[in-house]
Amino acid sequence: MEYGITSIDLERSPNAMLAAADRLLEQEGIRRDKCLDYLCALTDEEGRPAAVGGLFGNTMRCFAVSGEHRGEGLLNLVVTHLIDVQASRGNLHLFLYTKPETAQFFQDLGFHEIARVDGKLVFMENRRNGFPGYLKDLEKTARSGRAAAIVMNANPFTLGHQYLAEQASAACDVLHIFVVSEDLSLVPFPVRRRLVEEGTAHLPNVVIHDCGPYLISAATFPGYFLKDEVSVAEGQAKLDTALFSRIASTLGITERWVGEEPFSEVTALYNRILSEELPKAGIRCRIVPRRQAEGAAISASEVRRRIQSGDLESLSSLLPASTLRYFMSSEAAGVIEKIRAAEEVTHH
């Protein structure tokens, strides 16, 4: 049988090919990932999708092969096509998420396992020395003494983030702060990292790191083959633990500090799972009540909401001086415009 590759329009609706691809994914127990920026189908002679696969950034995801076409090597053709598309985008360091039962297939195609959540998913990359190389670079920043860590998106860095850093810093000899590197937040990564640096400059024992592609945010976690939000939160927290435990071992980290989550049930569940899973790896999880302002817990979401509504004057109760200076400067004009134009500002 002859097959052809078809790029599927993710924007146009109604779209018969997209609907057919969705049905194939659903037959395989997969929901189409809302993050996808590319989706293709390998179609049979009648134009029906026999296999599909998608991309988001430098990740490959949403693979499915129709049951009637198993054993024909179709997934290999889809993966080869997606690798070619990534190369045309300039993405050579690739990542994918897959179910444990298909991990060996991707290993045979040159992907290497980074971490897994048994029974749920495997996280892989196409570089043998990718994650080991990241750990080797981290090892150069290791310091003696009691080490703790915080992982934050800081979108943007608030007085709440600063308070958490100050509490953790006072309780350890060295505090490693990992800033989520995915540039998908309303405040771009270079700005977020700089504001974290400026907002913690008074803490002499802080070391700041990029997460790189290895500590992922809720926005891009591949929950499309997990059945509900609880399963997604559990899957991400367990993958986070698997990755972070290796980072912690490299840097001698024995504690991870997180802020209490009073607003999002899913994030609160994520924190609870971290507090259960991290001790299994010898890491204490310390959940700290959030700093409050005006009778409510400080949140980056509230900062973005006020920026969107044009209420910049009230930000001084939520932001450290360094972050406030940024938003009051001409440099922030583009970011402010982006926040004001956003349909939703209360996520991650």
Foldseek 3Di string as FASTA:
>chain_A
DDKDKDKADPPDPPDVQVVLLQVQLVVVLFGPDPQFPTKMFTADPVRHGQWMWTDHQQEIESTGGHPVCPPVCVVVVRVVVVCVVCVVVVRDKHKYKDAPVCVVVVVVVQWDFDDADPRGITIIINDPCDLVVVLVVLLVVADDWAEEEEEEQPLPPKVQNLVQVVVVLVVIQAYEYEHEQPQPHLDGRVVRQVQVCVSCVVRVRYDYHYCPPQLHDLSPQRCRNPDDLLRSLLRSLQSNLRRVLSSCVSRVHAEYEDEQDPDDPSVNSSLVNNCVRNVVSRHHYHYHYTDDFPPGHADSLVVLVCLLVVNLVPCPRIHDPSVNVCCVDPVCVVSSVSSNPDPGRNDD
